[in-house]
C-alpha atoms as a PDB file:
ATOM      1  CA  MET A   1     125.932 265.034 -82.466  1.00  0.00           C
ATOM      2  CA  LYS A   2     129.448 266.847 -81.628  1.00  0.00           C
ATOM      3  CA  ARG A   3     130.785 262.935 -80.814  1.00  0.00           C
ATOM      4  CA  LEU A   4     129.465 261.931 -84.217  1.00  0.00           C
ATOM      5  CA  PHE A   5     131.024 265.033 -85.569  1.00  0.00           C
ATOM      6  CA  VAL A   6     134.449 264.138 -83.583  1.00  0.00           C
ATOM      7  CA  THR A   7     134.611 260.947 -84.358  1.00  0.00           C
ATOM      8  CA  PHE A   8     133.877 261.630 -88.014  1.00  0.00           C
ATOM      9  CA  ILE A   9     136.859 263.850 -88.649  1.00  0.00           C
ATOM     10  CA  SER A  10     138.794 261.843 -86.553  1.00  0.00           C
ATOM     11  CA  ALA A  11     138.248 258.818 -88.882  1.00  0.00           C
ATOM     12  CA  LEU A  12     139.336 261.239 -91.661  1.00  0.00           C
ATOM     13  CA  ILE A  13     142.614 262.525 -90.123  1.00  0.00           C
ATOM     14  CA  SER A  14     143.611 258.921 -89.515  1.00  0.00           C
ATOM     15  CA  ILE A  15     142.999 257.835 -93.384  1.00  0.00           C
ATOM     16  CA  SER A  16     144.698 260.524 -94.186  1.00  0.00           C
ATOM     17  CA  ALA A  17     147.544 259.615 -92.570  1.00  0.00           C
ATOM     18  CA  ILE A  18     147.936 255.865 -92.920  1.00  0.00           C
ATOM     19  CA  SER A  19     147.875 256.600 -96.781  1.00  0.00           C
ATOM     20  CA  GLN A  20     151.189 258.746 -96.395  1.00  0.00           C
ATOM     21  CA  ASP A  21     153.037 255.997 -94.627  1.00  0.00           C
ATOM     22  CA  ILE A  22     153.309 258.460 -91.487  1.00  0.00           C
ATOM     23  CA  LYS A  23     155.735 256.590 -89.004  1.00  0.00           C
ATOM     24  CA  TYR A  24     155.611 256.034 -85.296  1.00  0.00           C
ATOM     25  CA  ARG A  25     157.400 258.953 -82.794  1.00  0.00           C
ATOM     26  CA  LYS A  26     157.365 259.285 -78.836  1.00  0.00           C
ATOM     27  CA  ASP A  27     155.891 262.573 -78.233  1.00  0.00           C
ATOM     28  CA  ASP A  28     158.248 264.840 -76.281  1.00  0.00           C
ATOM     29  CA  ARG A  29     156.363 268.046 -76.383  1.00  0.00           C
ATOM     30  CA  PRO A  30     155.426 269.491 -73.485  1.00  0.00           C
ATOM     31  CA  GLN A  31     152.754 268.274 -71.411  1.00  0.00           C
ATOM     32  CA  ASN A  32     151.112 271.862 -71.610  1.00  0.00           C
ATOM     33  CA  VAL A  33     151.529 271.601 -75.508  1.00  0.00           C
ATOM     34  CA  LYS A  34     149.829 268.574 -75.600  1.00  0.00           C
ATOM     35  CA  ASP A  35     147.262 269.441 -73.817  1.00  0.00           C
ATOM     36  CA  ASP A  36     146.516 272.669 -75.648  1.00  0.00           C
ATOM     37  CA  ARG A  37     146.929 272.203 -79.389  1.00  0.00           C
ATOM     38  CA  GLY A  38     144.907 274.920 -80.450  1.00  0.00           C
ATOM     39  CA  ASN A  39     147.300 277.305 -77.936  1.00  0.00           C
ATOM     40  CA  PHE A  40     143.963 278.966 -76.004  1.00  0.00           C
ATOM     41  CA  TYR A  41     145.368 278.588 -72.774  1.00  0.00           C
ATOM     42  CA  GLN A  42     148.816 279.637 -72.585  1.00  0.00           C
ATOM     43  CA  ASP A  43     148.667 282.445 -69.950  1.00  0.00           C
ATOM     44  CA  MET A  44     151.839 281.613 -68.129  1.00  0.00           C
ATOM     45  CA  SER A  45     150.543 284.301 -65.149  1.00  0.00           C
ATOM     46  CA  ILE A  46     147.961 281.309 -63.962  1.00  0.00           C
ATOM     47  CA  SER A  47     148.753 279.323 -61.510  1.00  0.00           C
ATOM     48  CA  GLU A  48     147.855 275.749 -60.664  1.00  0.00           C
ATOM     49  CA  ILE A  49     146.654 276.819 -57.597  1.00  0.00           C
ATOM     50  CA  ASP A  50     144.568 279.460 -58.454  1.00  0.00           C
ATOM     51  CA  ILE A  51     143.111 277.154 -61.654  1.00  0.00           C
ATOM     52  CA  LEU A  52     142.261 274.777 -58.584  1.00  0.00           C
ATOM     53  CA  LYS A  53     140.558 277.092 -56.926  1.00  0.00           C
ATOM     54  CA  ALA A  54     138.438 278.384 -59.790  1.00  0.00           C
ATOM     55  CA  LEU A  55     137.182 275.051 -60.322  1.00  0.00           C
ATOM     56  CA  GLU A  56     136.429 273.934 -56.920  1.00  0.00           C
ATOM     57  CA  MET A  57     134.196 277.510 -56.388  1.00  0.00           C
ATOM     58  CA  ALA A  58     132.429 276.517 -59.876  1.00  0.00           C
ATOM     59  CA  GLY A  59     131.656 273.091 -58.631  1.00  0.00           C
ATOM     60  CA  ILE A  60     133.917 271.442 -61.347  1.00  0.00           C
ATOM     61  CA  ARG A  61     136.654 268.391 -60.933  1.00  0.00           C
ATOM     62  CA  MET A  62     138.969 266.574 -62.689  1.00  0.00           C
ATOM     63  CA  PHE A  63     140.248 263.001 -62.835  1.00  0.00           C
ATOM     64  CA  ILE A  64     143.260 261.869 -64.687  1.00  0.00           C
ATOM     65  CA  PHE A  65     144.177 257.828 -65.367  1.00  0.00           C
ATOM     66  CA  PRO A  66     147.187 257.574 -66.532  1.00  0.00           C
ATOM     67  CA  ILE A  67     147.447 254.428 -69.135  1.00  0.00           C
ATOM     68  CA  ALA A  68     149.352 251.741 -67.292  1.00  0.00           C
ATOM     69  CA  PRO A  69     150.923 249.378 -68.809  1.00  0.00           C
ATOM     70  CA  VAL A  70     152.321 252.324 -71.634  1.00  0.00           C
ATOM     71  CA  PHE A  71     150.618 251.028 -75.069  1.00  0.00           C
ATOM     72  CA  GLU A  72     153.293 249.527 -77.571  1.00  0.00           C
ATOM     73  CA  LYS A  73     151.016 248.566 -80.447  1.00  0.00           C
ATOM     74  CA  GLU A  74     147.622 249.595 -81.916  1.00  0.00           C
ATOM     75  CA  TYR A  75     144.741 248.476 -79.949  1.00  0.00           C
ATOM     76  CA  ILE A  76     141.066 249.430 -79.429  1.00  0.00           C
ATOM     77  CA  LEU A  77     140.362 251.463 -76.431  1.00  0.00           C
ATOM     78  CA  THR A  78     136.576 251.602 -74.732  1.00  0.00           C
ATOM     79  CA  VAL A  79     135.329 253.922 -72.172  1.00  0.00           C
ATOM     80  CA  TYR A  80     132.023 252.192 -70.330  1.00  0.00           C
ATOM     81  CA  LEU A  81     129.262 254.362 -68.545  1.00  0.00           C
ATOM     82  CA  ASN A  82     127.289 251.394 -66.281  1.00  0.00           C
ATOM     83  CA  GLU A  83     124.742 252.631 -64.451  1.00  0.00           C
ATOM     84  CA  TYR A  84     123.288 250.507 -61.119  1.00  0.00           C
ATOM     85  CA  VAL A  85     120.037 250.554 -59.436  1.00  0.00           C
ATOM     86  CA  ASN A  86     120.041 248.054 -55.722  1.00  0.00           C
ATOM     87  CA  GLY A  87     123.237 246.836 -57.028  1.00  0.00           C
ATOM     88  CA  GLU A  88     121.335 245.428 -60.312  1.00  0.00           C
ATOM     89  CA  LYS A  89     122.470 246.960 -64.017  1.00  0.00           C
ATOM     90  CA  ILE A  90     119.748 248.514 -65.624  1.00  0.00           C
ATOM     91  CA  ASN A  91     122.181 250.496 -68.249  1.00  0.00           C
ATOM     92  CA  SER A  92     125.549 250.308 -69.835  1.00  0.00           C
ATOM     93  CA  ARG A  93     126.422 252.423 -72.792  1.00  0.00           C
ATOM     94  CA  SER A  94     130.253 253.299 -74.714  1.00  0.00           C
ATOM     95  CA  LEU A  95     131.307 256.491 -73.886  1.00  0.00           C
ATOM     96  CA  ASP A  96     133.977 256.700 -76.771  1.00  0.00           C
ATOM     97  CA  ARG A  97     135.604 253.641 -78.798  1.00  0.00           C
ATOM     98  CA  ASN A  98     138.739 254.722 -81.039  1.00  0.00           C
ATOM     99  CA  ARG A  99     142.153 253.138 -81.846  1.00  0.00           C
ATOM    100  CA  ASN A 100     144.871 253.943 -79.237  1.00  0.00           C
ATOM    101  CA  ILE A 101     146.844 256.374 -81.452  1.00  0.00           C
ATOM    102  CA  TYR A 102     146.954 259.996 -81.713  1.00  0.00           C
ATOM    103  CA  TYR A 103     148.411 262.017 -84.933  1.00  0.00           C
ATOM    104  CA  TYR A 104     150.422 265.168 -84.186  1.00  0.00           C
ATOM    105  CA  ARG A 105     152.759 267.858 -85.793  1.00  0.00           C
ATOM    106  CA  VAL A 106     156.402 268.950 -84.917  1.00  0.00           C
ATOM    107  CA  ILE A 107     158.722 271.266 -87.215  1.00  0.00           C
ATOM    108  CA  ASP A 108     161.556 269.230 -88.603  1.00  0.00           C
ATOM    109  CA  PRO A 109     165.222 270.248 -87.109  1.00  0.00           C
ATOM    110  CA  ILE A 110     166.960 269.374 -90.496  1.00  0.00           C
ATOM    111  CA  THR A 111     164.189 270.200 -93.216  1.00  0.00           C
ATOM    112  CA  ARG A 112     162.186 273.192 -90.624  1.00  0.00           C
ATOM    113  CA  GLU A 113     158.780 272.062 -92.542  1.00  0.00           C
ATOM    114  CA  ASN A 114     155.723 270.603 -90.855  1.00  0.00           C
ATOM    115  CA  ALA A 115     155.839 266.583 -89.893  1.00  0.00           C
ATOM    116  CA  THR A 116     153.285 264.254 -88.810  1.00  0.00           C
ATOM    117  CA  TYR A 117     153.952 261.519 -86.124  1.00  0.00           C
ATOM    118  CA  PHE A 118     151.767 259.618 -84.313  1.00  0.00           C
ATOM    119  CA  ASP A 119     152.059 258.251 -80.914  1.00  0.00           C
ATOM    120  CA  TYR A 120     149.931 256.005 -78.139  1.00  0.00           C
ATOM    121  CA  VAL A 121     147.253 257.762 -75.775  1.00  0.00           C
ATOM    122  CA  PRO A 122     149.115 257.908 -72.330  1.00  0.00           C
ATOM    123  CA  LYS A 123     145.893 258.702 -70.555  1.00  0.00           C
ATOM    124  CA  LEU A 124     142.224 259.424 -70.103  1.00  0.00           C
ATOM    125  CA  THR A 125     140.834 262.517 -68.251  1.00  0.00           C
ATOM    126  CA  PHE A 126     137.555 263.045 -67.088  1.00  0.00           C
ATOM    127  CA  PHE A 127     135.799 267.069 -66.330  1.00  0.00           C
ATOM    128  CA  THR A 128     132.694 266.677 -63.758  1.00  0.00           C
ATOM    129  CA  LYS A 129     130.549 269.401 -63.261  1.00  0.00           C
ATOM    130  CA  ASP A 130     127.774 269.222 -60.458  1.00  0.00           C
ATOM    131  CA  ASN A 131     124.409 270.175 -59.658  1.00  0.00           C
ATOM    132  CA  ASP A 132     121.430 269.916 -57.709  1.00  0.00           C
ATOM    133  CA  THR A 133     119.641 266.908 -60.207  1.00  0.00           C
ATOM    134  CA  MET A 134     122.727 265.771 -62.686  1.00  0.00           C
ATOM    135  CA  MET A 135     126.485 265.416 -62.658  1.00  0.00           C
ATOM    136  CA  SER A 136     127.728 266.412 -66.704  1.00  0.00           C
ATOM    137  CA  LEU A 137     131.035 264.681 -67.775  1.00  0.00           C
ATOM    138  CA  THR A 138     133.512 265.378 -70.466  1.00  0.00           C
ATOM    139  CA  LEU A 139     136.071 263.037 -71.235  1.00  0.00           C
ATOM    140  CA  GLU A 140     139.116 263.659 -73.437  1.00  0.00           C
ATOM    141  CA  ASN A 141     141.771 261.227 -74.329  1.00  0.00           C
ATOM    142  CA  TYR A 142     143.651 263.244 -77.371  1.00  0.00           C
ATOM    143  CA  VAL A 143     142.094 261.236 -79.890  1.00  0.00           C
ATOM    144  CA  SER A 144     138.395 262.680 -79.229  1.00  0.00           C
ATOM    145  CA  SER A 145     136.936 265.208 -76.910  1.00  0.00           C
ATOM    146  CA  THR A 146     133.098 263.498 -75.781  1.00  0.00           C
ATOM    147  CA  SER A 147     131.119 266.236 -74.030  1.00  0.00           C
ATOM    148  CA  GLY A 148     127.178 266.304 -73.097  1.00  0.00           C
ATOM    149  CA  ILE A 149     127.167 263.198 -70.863  1.00  0.00           C
ATOM    150  CA  ARG A 150     124.746 263.068 -68.051  1.00  0.00           C
ATOM    151  CA  LEU A 151     124.653 261.206 -64.752  1.00  0.00           C
ATOM    152  CA  THR A 152     121.037 261.770 -63.195  1.00  0.00           C
ATOM    153  CA  LYS A 153     121.241 261.779 -59.523  1.00  0.00           C
ATOM    154  CA  ASN A 154     117.751 259.787 -57.796  1.00  0.00           C
ATOM    155  CA  LYS A 155     117.575 262.012 -54.686  1.00  0.00           C
ATOM    156  CA  VAL A 156     114.595 260.671 -52.461  1.00  0.00           C
ATOM    157  CA  ARG A 157     115.694 262.361 -49.226  1.00  0.00           C
ATOM    158  CA  GLU A 158     116.522 265.789 -48.414  1.00  0.00           C
ATOM    159  CA  ASN A 159     119.978 265.230 -46.960  1.00  0.00           C
ATOM    160  CA  GLN A 160     120.958 262.674 -49.279  1.00  0.00           C
ATOM    161  CA  PHE A 161     124.044 263.434 -51.730  1.00  0.00           C
ATOM    162  CA  TYR A 162     126.441 261.494 -53.936  1.00  0.00           C
ATOM    163  CA  ALA A 163     129.980 261.415 -54.388  1.00  0.00           C
ATOM    164  CA  TRP A 164     133.327 260.147 -56.472  1.00  0.00           C
ATOM    165  CA  ARG A 165     135.362 257.628 -55.784  1.00  0.00           C
ATOM    166  CA  ALA A 166     138.388 256.567 -57.883  1.00  0.00           C
ATOM    167  CA  TYR A 167     140.589 253.524 -58.638  1.00  0.00           C
ATOM    168  CA  SER A 168     144.435 253.758 -58.367  1.00  0.00           C
ATOM    169  CA  LYS A 169     145.244 250.476 -59.167  1.00  0.00           C
ATOM    170  CA  THR A 170     143.695 250.598 -63.177  1.00  0.00           C
ATOM    171  CA  ASP A 171     146.501 248.536 -64.836  1.00  0.00           C
ATOM    172  CA  TRP A 172     144.420 246.882 -68.354  1.00  0.00           C
ATOM    173  CA  LYS A 173     144.727 243.397 -69.449  1.00  0.00           C
ATOM    174  CA  LEU A 174     143.781 242.528 -73.086  1.00  0.00           C
ATOM    175  CA  ASN A 175     139.867 241.937 -73.097  1.00  0.00           C
ATOM    176  CA  GLU A 176     138.882 243.118 -69.734  1.00  0.00           C
ATOM    177  CA  GLU A 177     136.580 246.074 -68.627  1.00  0.00           C
ATOM    178  CA  VAL A 178     138.626 247.958 -65.745  1.00  0.00           C
ATOM    179  CA  PRO A 179     136.827 250.209 -63.304  1.00  0.00           C
ATOM    180  CA  LEU A 180     137.759 253.973 -63.009  1.00  0.00           C
ATOM    181  CA  MET A 181     135.783 255.894 -60.780  1.00  0.00           C
ATOM    182  CA  VAL A 182     132.253 255.254 -59.324  1.00  0.00           C
ATOM    183  CA  TYR A 183     129.793 258.414 -58.812  1.00  0.00           C
ATOM    184  CA  SER A 184     127.662 257.013 -55.790  1.00  0.00           C
ATOM    185  CA  SER A 185     124.495 258.012 -53.900  1.00  0.00           C
ATOM    186  CA  SER A 186     124.525 257.474 -50.000  1.00  0.00           C
ATOM    187  CA  TRP A 187     122.523 255.328 -47.861  1.00  0.00           C
ATOM    188  CA  TYR A 188     120.367 256.375 -44.421  1.00  0.00           C
ATOM    189  CA  ASP A 189     122.039 254.539 -41.393  1.00  0.00           C
ATOM    190  CA  GLU A 190     119.100 254.141 -39.605  1.00  0.00           C
ATOM    191  CA  LYS A 191     121.834 253.142 -36.427  1.00  0.00           C
ATOM    192  CA  ASN A 192     123.282 256.312 -36.329  1.00  0.00           C
ATOM    193  CA  ASN A 193     120.522 258.533 -37.749  1.00  0.00           C
ATOM    194  CA  ALA A 194     122.692 259.897 -40.660  1.00  0.00           C
ATOM    195  CA  GLU A 195     123.420 259.616 -44.641  1.00  0.00           C
ATOM    196  CA  ARG A 196     126.345 257.423 -45.302  1.00  0.00           C
ATOM    197  CA  ASN A 197     128.855 256.815 -48.186  1.00  0.00           C
ATOM    198  CA  CYS A 198     131.839 254.932 -48.840  1.00  0.00           C
ATOM    199  CA  ALA A 199     135.085 256.549 -46.214  1.00  0.00           C
ATOM    200  CA  VAL A 200     137.679 255.227 -48.579  1.00  0.00           C
ATOM    201  CA  ARG A 201     138.418 257.517 -50.988  1.00  0.00           C
ATOM    202  CA  ASP A 202     140.581 255.267 -52.926  1.00  0.00           C
ATOM    203  CA  LEU A 203     138.482 251.682 -53.707  1.00  0.00           C
ATOM    204  CA  SER A 204     141.783 250.023 -54.835  1.00  0.00           C
ATOM    205  CA  LEU A 205     142.601 250.235 -50.751  1.00  0.00           C
ATOM    206  CA  SER A 206     139.634 248.521 -49.333  1.00  0.00           C
ATOM    207  CA  GLU A 207     137.750 245.286 -50.957  1.00  0.00           C
ATOM    208  CA  GLU A 208     135.835 245.285 -47.696  1.00  0.00           C
ATOM    209  CA  ALA A 209     134.743 249.261 -48.324  1.00  0.00           C
ATOM    210  CA  THR A 210     134.177 249.001 -51.774  1.00  0.00           C
ATOM    211  CA  LYS A 211     131.780 245.483 -51.303  1.00  0.00           C
ATOM    212  CA  GLU A 212     130.132 248.289 -48.843  1.00  0.00           C
ATOM    213  CA  LEU A 213     129.605 250.489 -51.777  1.00  0.00           C
ATOM    214  CA  PHE A 214     128.101 248.562 -53.645  1.00  0.00           C
ATOM    215  CA  ASP A 215     126.150 246.465 -51.619  1.00  0.00           C
ATOM    216  CA  THR A 216     124.107 249.295 -50.047  1.00  0.00           C
ATOM    217  CA  SER A 217     124.076 252.166 -52.216  1.00  0.00           C
ATOM    218  CA  PRO A 218     121.064 252.458 -53.848  1.00  0.00           C
ATOM    219  CA  HIS A 219     122.264 254.299 -56.655  1.00  0.00           C
ATOM    220  CA  TYR A 220     125.391 254.363 -58.564  1.00  0.00           C
ATOM    221  CA  TYR A 221     127.678 254.601 -61.930  1.00  0.00           C
ATOM    222  CA  VAL A 222     130.624 252.948 -62.352  1.00  0.00           C
ATOM    223  CA  ILE A 223     133.356 254.089 -65.652  1.00  0.00           C
ATOM    224  CA  SER A 224     135.539 251.764 -67.072  1.00  0.00           C
ATOM    225  CA  PHE A 225     137.667 250.983 -69.615  1.00  0.00           C
ATOM    226  CA  LYS A 226     138.908 247.918 -71.962  1.00  0.00           C
ATOM    227  CA  VAL A 227     141.452 247.431 -74.310  1.00  0.00           C
ATOM    228  CA  SER A 228     140.624 245.058 -77.185  1.00  0.00           C
ATOM    229  CA  GLU A 229     142.522 243.962 -80.497  1.00  0.00           C
END
């Protein structure tokens, strides 16, 4: 319901903006202003290290994927969640589907009035929250925020664990689904009597390690995105 509400509001803003013939302008506001448009978190006494420590203690992680090549025209941007069991896809759904533009307001230096412009979405940000039975996920992309995404764990052994692995090479090509990261279960290594998972954190660095992960992990999720017209 929350996702539908956010999408509905975004659509209303888009329709209103189009009717006003809003022009494109590169969004050169400071990054903290763009990320915190409601000015809820502008406490300059908190350092980046403080934030990272607090997140780690709370079981929260953050993944940021800059979009490249940088957008220069309007497209449809879709984020997918695919689930696999023993190498077979058992479920696939869209987490978010929107145009790749967002609207923002700045004070015009000449008229001193609020002016509205649009720019292209520069990145995808994922926040994860871990517990014993599931991983909770939130997606933000300047256009909308999708929360309440649940990745259920299928644990059958006491020491079995799940881990995130990301891709560093995520350049998009039109109408192609590009993987961003994988959330996978460990598997039991009888030879070494231990639970194993892919040793490579960056799945773009080793095709062999990535293949081993997909061939051996009994249960995993793949998050990807696609750019289409």
